[in-house]
Every structure is written in structure tokens, then in C-alpha cells.
């Protein structure tokens, strides 16, 4: 069970990295669109926010296509893929936020008069830090550990149902 959860956590890390790169590439355009046409811009923001769930659903559907082709219930196949996409997106959010809090416990930032929780959480992101210090490795180990726990719990819950 643990190797499967670990593999799922690794795949989730790769997917989260791709989602992060996608967001970084798209958000400047969405920001400009919000300034020029607010409703359309926020609609685009909603689409960007939902896209990782739909993307993960597509990956799940493709990966399980051969096994699912034997299932006669097409609606069930699509629902399972959409659910897998949703679970992946929720797991990314939960694991990333929890990892940020763990990193703040491990290495709290100095508190100054302009301190905000949002800025502290943003500072934890290892993609914006130099690779020469120890924090990216600790961040990665914490992220993978929490994601492995989430997938172990998800598999155990599915087995119990």
C-alpha cells in the first residue's frame, strides 16, 4: 500500500509543478483581462482555478482507458475520472498549504511590523528560493510525506467503503 501511495504522491508533485507553471504563465494575462474587462477576467480566473481538476480528470481517464473500456456504464467511467481529478486538485491544495505551515514551524520568518500570513506563506515556496540552501530539500521531503499520507488515507477509506 505504501509504495502505491508514494507513487501517487510523486505523480501529484509532478502534476502540481505543472499546474504551478501553467498558473505562472497564464495569470499575467488574466490580470490584464481583469483590468480591461472585469467580468470576463474573473470568468477566466474561474476557468484557470477549475482547470487542474479537469486536467487531472483527463489524465485519469486516459490512464485508465483500457481498464474502463470493459465497463459498460459510461456515466460511471466519466464520474470516476472527474472524481479523481477533483481529489487530485484538493490534495494539491491541502498538501501545499500544510507543507507551507510545516515549513513555517521548521523555519519561522522574522516578525516585523509589516508581517502578513499571506506573505509568510508565499515566502515558503521553494520554487522562488535559491537551490543552494537546505530548505528546498526539506520542503520536498515534507511535501512528498504529507501527500503519501493523504493517498494512504484515501486508499484505506476507499477500501473500507
N, C-alpha and C. Protein backbone atom coordinates (compact mmCIF):
# COMPACT_ATOMS: atom_id res chain seq x y z
N UNK A 1 0.83 -1.19 0.00
CA UNK A 1 0.00 0.00 0.00
C UNK A 1 0.87 1.25 0.00
N UNK A 2 1.89 1.28 0.80
CA UNK A 2 2.76 2.45 0.90
C UNK A 2 3.42 2.80 -0.43
N UNK A 3 3.97 1.82 -1.20
CA UNK A 3 4.59 2.17 -2.48
C UNK A 3 3.59 2.81 -3.45
N UNK A 4 2.35 2.34 -3.45
CA UNK A 4 1.34 2.93 -4.33
C UNK A 4 1.04 4.36 -3.92
N UNK A 5 0.91 4.59 -2.61
CA UNK A 5 0.66 5.94 -2.12
C UNK A 5 1.84 6.85 -2.41
N UNK A 6 3.05 6.31 -2.27
CA UNK A 6 4.25 7.09 -2.57
C UNK A 6 4.30 7.44 -4.06
N UNK A 7 3.97 6.49 -4.92
CA UNK A 7 3.94 6.75 -6.36
C UNK A 7 2.88 7.80 -6.69
N UNK A 8 1.72 7.70 -6.04
CA UNK A 8 0.68 8.71 -6.26
C UNK A 8 1.14 10.08 -5.79
N UNK A 9 1.85 10.11 -4.66
CA UNK A 9 2.37 11.39 -4.15
C UNK A 9 3.39 11.98 -5.12
N UNK A 10 4.25 11.14 -5.67
CA UNK A 10 5.23 11.61 -6.66
C UNK A 10 4.56 12.13 -7.92
N UNK A 11 3.56 11.41 -8.41
CA UNK A 11 2.82 11.87 -9.58
C UNK A 11 2.10 13.18 -9.28
N UNK A 12 1.57 13.30 -8.07
CA UNK A 12 0.89 14.53 -7.67
C UNK A 12 1.87 15.69 -7.62
N UNK A 13 3.10 15.45 -7.16
CA UNK A 13 4.11 16.50 -7.12
C UNK A 13 4.43 16.98 -8.54
N UNK A 14 4.59 16.06 -9.45
CA UNK A 14 4.86 16.44 -10.85
C UNK A 14 3.68 17.25 -11.40
N UNK A 15 2.46 16.77 -11.15
CA UNK A 15 1.28 17.48 -11.63
C UNK A 15 1.16 18.86 -10.98
N UNK A 16 1.43 18.95 -9.69
CA UNK A 16 1.38 20.25 -9.00
C UNK A 16 2.40 21.21 -9.58
N UNK A 17 3.57 20.72 -9.93
CA UNK A 17 4.59 21.57 -10.56
C UNK A 17 4.13 22.07 -11.92
N UNK A 18 3.51 21.19 -12.69
CA UNK A 18 2.98 21.60 -14.00
C UNK A 18 1.86 22.63 -13.83
N UNK A 19 0.99 22.41 -12.85
CA UNK A 19 -0.08 23.37 -12.58
C UNK A 19 0.50 24.72 -12.18
N UNK A 20 1.53 24.70 -11.35
CA UNK A 20 2.18 25.93 -10.91
C UNK A 20 2.77 26.69 -12.10
N UNK A 21 3.42 25.97 -13.01
CA UNK A 21 3.98 26.61 -14.21
C UNK A 21 2.87 27.17 -15.09
N UNK A 22 1.79 26.42 -15.23
CA UNK A 22 0.64 26.89 -16.01
C UNK A 22 0.07 28.17 -15.41
N UNK A 23 -0.13 28.17 -14.09
CA UNK A 23 -0.65 29.36 -13.41
C UNK A 23 0.29 30.55 -13.62
N UNK A 24 1.59 30.32 -13.46
CA UNK A 24 2.57 31.40 -13.62
C UNK A 24 2.53 31.97 -15.04
N UNK A 25 2.30 31.13 -16.03
CA UNK A 25 2.25 31.59 -17.42
C UNK A 25 0.95 32.32 -17.75
N UNK A 26 -0.15 31.88 -17.17
CA UNK A 26 -1.47 32.40 -17.53
C UNK A 26 -1.89 33.61 -16.71
N UNK A 27 -1.49 33.67 -15.44
CA UNK A 27 -2.00 34.71 -14.55
C UNK A 27 -1.70 36.14 -14.99
N UNK A 28 -0.55 36.45 -15.59
CA UNK A 28 -0.37 37.84 -16.06
C UNK A 28 -1.43 38.25 -17.08
N UNK A 29 -1.79 37.33 -17.97
CA UNK A 29 -2.82 37.63 -18.97
C UNK A 29 -4.20 37.79 -18.32
N UNK A 30 -4.48 36.93 -17.35
CA UNK A 30 -5.76 37.02 -16.64
C UNK A 30 -5.82 38.35 -15.87
N UNK A 31 -4.70 38.74 -15.25
CA UNK A 31 -4.65 40.01 -14.54
C UNK A 31 -4.94 41.19 -15.45
N UNK A 32 -4.35 41.18 -16.64
CA UNK A 32 -4.63 42.24 -17.61
C UNK A 32 -6.08 42.22 -18.05
N UNK A 33 -6.61 41.03 -18.25
CA UNK A 33 -8.01 40.90 -18.66
C UNK A 33 -8.95 41.42 -17.58
N UNK A 34 -8.62 41.17 -16.31
CA UNK A 34 -9.44 41.66 -15.21
C UNK A 34 -9.48 43.19 -15.22
N UNK A 35 -8.34 43.81 -15.53
CA UNK A 35 -8.29 45.28 -15.57
C UNK A 35 -9.14 45.83 -16.71
N UNK A 36 -9.16 45.16 -17.85
CA UNK A 36 -9.87 45.67 -19.04
C UNK A 36 -11.33 45.26 -19.08
N UNK A 37 -11.62 44.03 -18.72
CA UNK A 37 -13.00 43.51 -18.74
C UNK A 37 -13.18 42.65 -17.50
N UNK A 38 -13.56 43.26 -16.38
CA UNK A 38 -13.58 42.54 -15.11
C UNK A 38 -14.39 41.24 -15.10
N UNK A 39 -15.57 41.24 -15.63
CA UNK A 39 -16.38 40.01 -15.60
C UNK A 39 -15.73 38.90 -16.41
N UNK A 40 -15.27 39.25 -17.59
CA UNK A 40 -14.60 38.27 -18.43
C UNK A 40 -13.30 37.79 -17.76
N UNK A 41 -12.59 38.71 -17.14
CA UNK A 41 -11.35 38.36 -16.45
C UNK A 41 -11.59 37.40 -15.29
N UNK A 42 -12.65 37.68 -14.50
CA UNK A 42 -12.94 36.79 -13.38
C UNK A 42 -13.49 35.45 -13.86
N UNK A 43 -14.17 35.45 -15.00
CA UNK A 43 -14.60 34.19 -15.60
C UNK A 43 -13.36 33.38 -16.01
N UNK A 44 -12.38 34.06 -16.58
CA UNK A 44 -11.12 33.39 -16.93
C UNK A 44 -10.43 32.87 -15.67
N UNK A 45 -10.46 33.65 -14.59
CA UNK A 45 -9.86 33.22 -13.33
C UNK A 45 -10.55 31.95 -12.81
N UNK A 46 -11.86 31.91 -12.91
CA UNK A 46 -12.60 30.72 -12.50
C UNK A 46 -12.20 29.52 -13.36
N UNK A 47 -12.06 29.74 -14.65
CA UNK A 47 -11.63 28.66 -15.54
C UNK A 47 -10.23 28.16 -15.21
N UNK A 48 -9.33 29.10 -14.91
CA UNK A 48 -7.97 28.72 -14.54
C UNK A 48 -8.00 27.94 -13.23
N UNK A 49 -8.82 28.38 -12.27
CA UNK A 49 -8.92 27.71 -10.97
C UNK A 49 -9.44 26.28 -11.11
N UNK A 50 -10.41 26.07 -11.99
CA UNK A 50 -11.01 24.75 -12.17
C UNK A 50 -10.19 23.84 -13.08
N UNK A 51 -9.33 24.41 -13.89
CA UNK A 51 -8.61 23.62 -14.90
C UNK A 51 -7.76 22.49 -14.33
N UNK A 52 -7.10 22.62 -13.19
CA UNK A 52 -6.32 21.47 -12.70
C UNK A 52 -7.18 20.25 -12.40
N UNK A 53 -8.37 20.48 -11.91
CA UNK A 53 -9.27 19.35 -11.63
C UNK A 53 -9.66 18.66 -12.93
N UNK A 54 -9.99 19.44 -13.94
CA UNK A 54 -10.36 18.86 -15.23
C UNK A 54 -9.16 18.21 -15.91
N UNK A 55 -7.98 18.81 -15.75
CA UNK A 55 -6.77 18.23 -16.31
C UNK A 55 -6.43 16.89 -15.68
N UNK A 56 -6.53 16.82 -14.35
CA UNK A 56 -6.27 15.56 -13.66
C UNK A 56 -7.31 14.51 -14.04
N UNK A 57 -8.55 14.95 -14.24
CA UNK A 57 -9.60 14.01 -14.68
C UNK A 57 -9.25 13.44 -16.05
N UNK A 58 -8.75 14.29 -16.93
CA UNK A 58 -8.34 13.82 -18.26
C UNK A 58 -7.19 12.83 -18.19
N UNK A 59 -6.22 13.12 -17.34
CA UNK A 59 -5.09 12.20 -17.17
C UNK A 59 -5.58 10.87 -16.60
N UNK A 60 -6.45 10.94 -15.61
CA UNK A 60 -7.00 9.71 -15.01
C UNK A 60 -7.77 8.91 -16.06
N UNK A 61 -8.58 9.59 -16.83
CA UNK A 61 -9.40 8.93 -17.85
C UNK A 61 -8.52 8.25 -18.88
N UNK A 62 -7.48 8.92 -19.30
CA UNK A 62 -6.57 8.35 -20.29
C UNK A 62 -5.82 7.15 -19.71
N UNK A 63 -5.31 7.31 -18.49
CA UNK A 63 -4.52 6.24 -17.86
C UNK A 63 -5.34 4.99 -17.61
N UNK A 64 -6.61 5.17 -17.33
CA UNK A 64 -7.46 4.02 -17.03
C UNK A 64 -8.37 3.65 -18.21
N UNK A 65 -8.11 4.19 -19.35
CA UNK A 65 -8.95 3.95 -20.53
C UNK A 65 -9.10 2.48 -20.88
N UNK A 66 -8.02 1.74 -20.85
CA UNK A 66 -8.08 0.33 -21.23
C UNK A 66 -8.94 -0.46 -20.24
N UNK A 67 -8.69 -0.24 -18.94
CA UNK A 67 -9.49 -0.94 -17.94
C UNK A 67 -10.95 -0.50 -17.97
N UNK A 68 -11.17 0.79 -18.17
CA UNK A 68 -12.53 1.32 -18.19
C UNK A 68 -13.32 0.89 -19.43
N UNK A 69 -12.62 0.52 -20.48
CA UNK A 69 -13.32 0.16 -21.71
C UNK A 69 -14.17 -1.10 -21.52
N UNK A 70 -13.85 -1.89 -20.51
CA UNK A 70 -14.63 -3.08 -20.22
C UNK A 70 -15.87 -2.77 -19.39
N UNK A 71 -15.92 -1.57 -18.86
CA UNK A 71 -17.07 -1.15 -18.04
C UNK A 71 -18.18 -0.69 -18.98
N UNK A 72 -19.35 -1.26 -18.84
CA UNK A 72 -20.46 -0.90 -19.73
C UNK A 72 -21.15 0.39 -19.31
N UNK A 73 -20.89 0.86 -18.11
CA UNK A 73 -21.54 2.06 -17.59
C UNK A 73 -20.69 3.29 -17.88
N UNK A 74 -20.91 3.92 -19.05
CA UNK A 74 -20.11 5.07 -19.46
C UNK A 74 -20.18 6.21 -18.45
N UNK A 75 -21.34 6.47 -17.93
CA UNK A 75 -21.51 7.56 -16.96
C UNK A 75 -20.62 7.31 -15.74
N UNK A 76 -20.54 6.07 -15.28
CA UNK A 76 -19.71 5.73 -14.12
C UNK A 76 -18.24 5.97 -14.43
N UNK A 77 -17.80 5.64 -15.64
CA UNK A 77 -16.40 5.87 -16.01
C UNK A 77 -16.08 7.35 -15.97
N UNK A 78 -16.94 8.18 -16.53
CA UNK A 78 -16.69 9.61 -16.54
C UNK A 78 -16.73 10.19 -15.13
N UNK A 79 -17.67 9.74 -14.31
CA UNK A 79 -17.77 10.23 -12.94
C UNK A 79 -16.52 9.86 -12.15
N UNK A 80 -16.02 8.66 -12.34
CA UNK A 80 -14.81 8.23 -11.61
C UNK A 80 -13.62 9.10 -12.00
N UNK A 81 -13.50 9.43 -13.28
CA UNK A 81 -12.39 10.27 -13.73
C UNK A 81 -12.54 11.69 -13.20
N UNK A 82 -13.74 12.23 -13.23
CA UNK A 82 -13.96 13.57 -12.68
C UNK A 82 -13.67 13.59 -11.18
N UNK A 83 -14.07 12.54 -10.47
CA UNK A 83 -13.79 12.46 -9.04
C UNK A 83 -12.28 12.39 -8.79
N UNK A 84 -11.57 11.61 -9.59
CA UNK A 84 -10.11 11.52 -9.43
C UNK A 84 -9.46 12.88 -9.68
N UNK A 85 -9.95 13.61 -10.65
CA UNK A 85 -9.43 14.96 -10.90
C UNK A 85 -9.68 15.89 -9.74
N UNK A 86 -10.87 15.82 -9.18
CA UNK A 86 -11.21 16.65 -8.03
C UNK A 86 -10.33 16.29 -6.83
N UNK A 87 -10.18 14.99 -6.57
CA UNK A 87 -9.35 14.55 -5.43
C UNK A 87 -7.91 15.02 -5.62
N UNK A 88 -7.39 14.93 -6.84
CA UNK A 88 -6.02 15.37 -7.09
C UNK A 88 -5.87 16.86 -6.81
N UNK A 89 -6.81 17.68 -7.27
CA UNK A 89 -6.73 19.12 -7.06
C UNK A 89 -6.87 19.47 -5.59
N UNK A 90 -7.79 18.84 -4.89
CA UNK A 90 -7.95 19.09 -3.46
C UNK A 90 -6.70 18.63 -2.70
N UNK A 91 -6.13 17.51 -3.12
CA UNK A 91 -4.91 17.03 -2.47
C UNK A 91 -3.76 18.01 -2.67
N UNK A 92 -3.62 18.55 -3.88
CA UNK A 92 -2.57 19.54 -4.15
C UNK A 92 -2.73 20.73 -3.21
N UNK A 93 -3.94 21.25 -3.10
CA UNK A 93 -4.19 22.41 -2.25
C UNK A 93 -3.88 22.08 -0.80
N UNK A 94 -4.41 20.97 -0.30
CA UNK A 94 -4.20 20.60 1.09
C UNK A 94 -2.72 20.35 1.39
N UNK A 95 -2.07 19.56 0.55
CA UNK A 95 -0.67 19.20 0.79
C UNK A 95 0.22 20.45 0.71
N UNK A 96 -0.03 21.31 -0.27
CA UNK A 96 0.80 22.51 -0.41
C UNK A 96 0.64 23.46 0.78
N UNK A 97 -0.59 23.68 1.20
CA UNK A 97 -0.82 24.57 2.35
C UNK A 97 -0.25 23.96 3.64
N UNK A 98 -0.47 22.68 3.85
CA UNK A 98 0.04 22.04 5.06
C UNK A 98 1.57 22.06 5.06
N UNK A 99 2.17 21.82 3.91
CA UNK A 99 3.63 21.88 3.81
C UNK A 99 4.13 23.29 4.13
N UNK A 100 3.42 24.30 3.66
CA UNK A 100 3.81 25.68 3.96
C UNK A 100 3.79 25.92 5.47
N UNK A 101 2.76 25.44 6.14
CA UNK A 101 2.70 25.62 7.59
C UNK A 101 3.80 24.84 8.30
N UNK A 102 4.08 23.62 7.85
CA UNK A 102 5.16 22.84 8.45
C UNK A 102 6.49 23.56 8.27
N UNK A 103 6.72 24.11 7.09
CA UNK A 103 7.97 24.84 6.84
C UNK A 103 8.06 26.09 7.71
N UNK A 104 6.92 26.73 7.99
CA UNK A 104 6.93 27.89 8.89
C UNK A 104 7.27 27.47 10.31
N UNK A 105 6.88 26.25 10.71
CA UNK A 105 7.24 25.74 12.03
C UNK A 105 8.74 25.43 12.06
N UNK A 106 9.24 24.82 11.00
CA UNK A 106 10.66 24.45 10.93
C UNK A 106 11.55 25.69 10.89
N UNK A 107 11.17 26.66 10.08
CA UNK A 107 11.99 27.86 9.88
C UNK A 107 11.10 29.10 9.84
N UNK A 108 10.66 29.58 11.02
CA UNK A 108 9.75 30.72 11.03
C UNK A 108 10.43 31.99 10.53
N UNK A 109 9.70 32.81 9.79
CA UNK A 109 10.28 34.07 9.32
C UNK A 109 10.36 35.07 10.46
N UNK A 110 11.24 36.06 10.33
CA UNK A 110 11.27 37.10 11.36
C UNK A 110 9.96 37.90 11.32
N UNK A 111 9.49 38.28 12.48
CA UNK A 111 8.26 39.04 12.54
C UNK A 111 8.62 40.51 12.56
N UNK A 112 8.08 41.24 11.59
CA UNK A 112 8.31 42.68 11.53
C UNK A 112 6.95 43.39 11.53
N UNK A 113 6.93 44.71 11.61
CA UNK A 113 5.65 45.42 11.68
C UNK A 113 4.75 45.19 10.46
N UNK A 114 5.33 44.86 9.31
CA UNK A 114 4.54 44.65 8.09
C UNK A 114 4.22 43.18 7.86
N UNK A 115 4.38 42.35 8.89
CA UNK A 115 4.17 40.91 8.75
C UNK A 115 2.73 40.60 8.35
N UNK A 116 2.59 39.72 7.36
CA UNK A 116 1.28 39.19 7.00
C UNK A 116 1.42 37.68 6.79
N UNK A 117 0.39 36.95 7.13
CA UNK A 117 0.41 35.50 6.98
C UNK A 117 0.56 35.13 5.51
N UNK A 118 -0.13 35.87 4.63
CA UNK A 118 -0.07 35.57 3.19
C UNK A 118 1.36 35.69 2.68
N UNK A 119 2.06 36.75 3.06
CA UNK A 119 3.44 36.93 2.59
C UNK A 119 4.34 35.83 3.17
N UNK A 120 4.11 35.44 4.41
CA UNK A 120 4.91 34.38 5.03
C UNK A 120 4.71 33.06 4.29
N UNK A 121 3.46 32.75 3.94
CA UNK A 121 3.19 31.52 3.19
C UNK A 121 3.80 31.58 1.80
N UNK A 122 3.74 32.73 1.16
CA UNK A 122 4.32 32.88 -0.18
C UNK A 122 5.84 32.71 -0.14
N UNK A 123 6.47 33.15 0.95
CA UNK A 123 7.92 33.03 1.09
C UNK A 123 8.38 31.59 1.23
N UNK A 124 7.49 30.70 1.66
CA UNK A 124 7.85 29.31 1.87
C UNK A 124 8.06 28.58 0.55
N UNK A 125 7.46 29.06 -0.53
CA UNK A 125 7.51 28.37 -1.81
C UNK A 125 8.96 28.16 -2.26
N UNK A 126 9.38 26.90 -2.34
CA UNK A 126 10.77 26.60 -2.67
C UNK A 126 11.12 26.92 -4.11
N UNK A 127 10.14 27.07 -4.99
CA UNK A 127 10.45 27.38 -6.38
C UNK A 127 11.03 28.78 -6.54
N UNK A 128 10.78 29.66 -5.56
CA UNK A 128 11.27 31.03 -5.65
C UNK A 128 12.55 31.25 -4.85
N UNK A 129 13.11 30.20 -4.29
CA UNK A 129 14.32 30.32 -3.49
C UNK A 129 15.50 29.71 -4.24
N UNK A 130 16.67 30.10 -3.83
CA UNK A 130 17.87 29.53 -4.43
C UNK A 130 17.99 28.05 -4.09
N UNK A 131 18.59 27.30 -4.97
CA UNK A 131 18.71 25.86 -4.75
C UNK A 131 19.91 25.51 -3.88
N UNK A 132 20.69 26.52 -3.44
CA UNK A 132 21.89 26.21 -2.67
C UNK A 132 21.62 25.99 -1.19
N UNK A 133 20.44 26.34 -0.70
CA UNK A 133 20.21 26.11 0.73
C UNK A 133 19.42 24.82 0.95
N UNK A 134 19.24 24.45 2.18
CA UNK A 134 18.63 23.18 2.57
C UNK A 134 17.12 23.18 2.47
N UNK A 135 16.48 24.32 2.43
CA UNK A 135 15.03 24.38 2.51
C UNK A 135 14.31 23.68 1.36
N UNK A 136 14.79 23.77 0.12
CA UNK A 136 14.08 23.07 -0.95
C UNK A 136 14.02 21.55 -0.73
N UNK A 137 15.08 20.98 -0.19
CA UNK A 137 15.10 19.53 0.04
C UNK A 137 14.14 19.17 1.16
N UNK A 138 14.16 19.94 2.24
CA UNK A 138 13.24 19.69 3.35
C UNK A 138 11.81 19.88 2.87
N UNK A 139 11.57 20.94 2.11
CA UNK A 139 10.23 21.21 1.57
C UNK A 139 9.74 20.04 0.74
N UNK A 140 10.60 19.52 -0.12
CA UNK A 140 10.24 18.39 -0.98
C UNK A 140 9.93 17.14 -0.16
N UNK A 141 10.76 16.86 0.84
CA UNK A 141 10.54 15.68 1.68
C UNK A 141 9.23 15.82 2.46
N UNK A 142 8.96 17.01 3.00
CA UNK A 142 7.72 17.23 3.74
C UNK A 142 6.53 17.09 2.79
N UNK A 143 6.62 17.68 1.59
CA UNK A 143 5.51 17.64 0.62
C UNK A 143 5.19 16.20 0.25
N UNK A 144 6.23 15.43 -0.12
CA UNK A 144 6.03 14.03 -0.51
C UNK A 144 5.48 13.22 0.67
N UNK A 145 5.97 13.47 1.88
CA UNK A 145 5.50 12.73 3.06
C UNK A 145 4.02 12.99 3.32
N UNK A 146 3.61 14.25 3.26
CA UNK A 146 2.20 14.57 3.50
C UNK A 146 1.33 14.00 2.38
N UNK A 147 1.78 14.13 1.14
CA UNK A 147 1.00 13.60 0.01
C UNK A 147 0.88 12.08 0.11
N UNK A 148 1.94 11.41 0.53
CA UNK A 148 1.87 9.96 0.71
C UNK A 148 0.85 9.61 1.78
N UNK A 149 0.83 10.37 2.87
CA UNK A 149 -0.17 10.16 3.91
C UNK A 149 -1.58 10.38 3.41
N UNK A 150 -1.78 11.42 2.61
CA UNK A 150 -3.11 11.70 2.06
C UNK A 150 -3.57 10.55 1.17
N UNK A 151 -2.68 10.07 0.29
CA UNK A 151 -3.07 8.97 -0.60
C UNK A 151 -3.23 7.64 0.14
N UNK A 152 -2.45 7.43 1.20
CA UNK A 152 -2.65 6.23 2.02
C UNK A 152 -4.02 6.27 2.68
N UNK A 153 -4.39 7.43 3.20
CA UNK A 153 -5.70 7.60 3.82
C UNK A 153 -6.81 7.41 2.78
N UNK A 154 -6.63 7.99 1.60
CA UNK A 154 -7.65 7.88 0.55
C UNK A 154 -7.85 6.42 0.14
N UNK A 155 -6.77 5.68 -0.02
CA UNK A 155 -6.87 4.28 -0.40
C UNK A 155 -7.50 3.44 0.72
N UNK A 156 -7.13 3.72 1.96
CA UNK A 156 -7.71 2.98 3.09
C UNK A 156 -9.21 3.27 3.19
N UNK A 157 -9.59 4.53 2.98
CA UNK A 157 -11.03 4.88 3.04
C UNK A 157 -11.79 4.20 1.91
N UNK A 158 -11.20 4.17 0.71
CA UNK A 158 -11.86 3.53 -0.42
C UNK A 158 -12.01 2.03 -0.18
N UNK A 159 -11.00 1.42 0.44
CA UNK A 159 -11.04 0.00 0.74
C UNK A 159 -12.14 -0.28 1.76
N UNK A 160 -12.30 0.59 2.76
CA UNK A 160 -13.30 0.39 3.80
C UNK A 160 -14.73 0.58 3.29
N UNK A 161 -14.89 1.33 2.21
CA UNK A 161 -16.23 1.55 1.65
C UNK A 161 -16.55 0.38 0.80
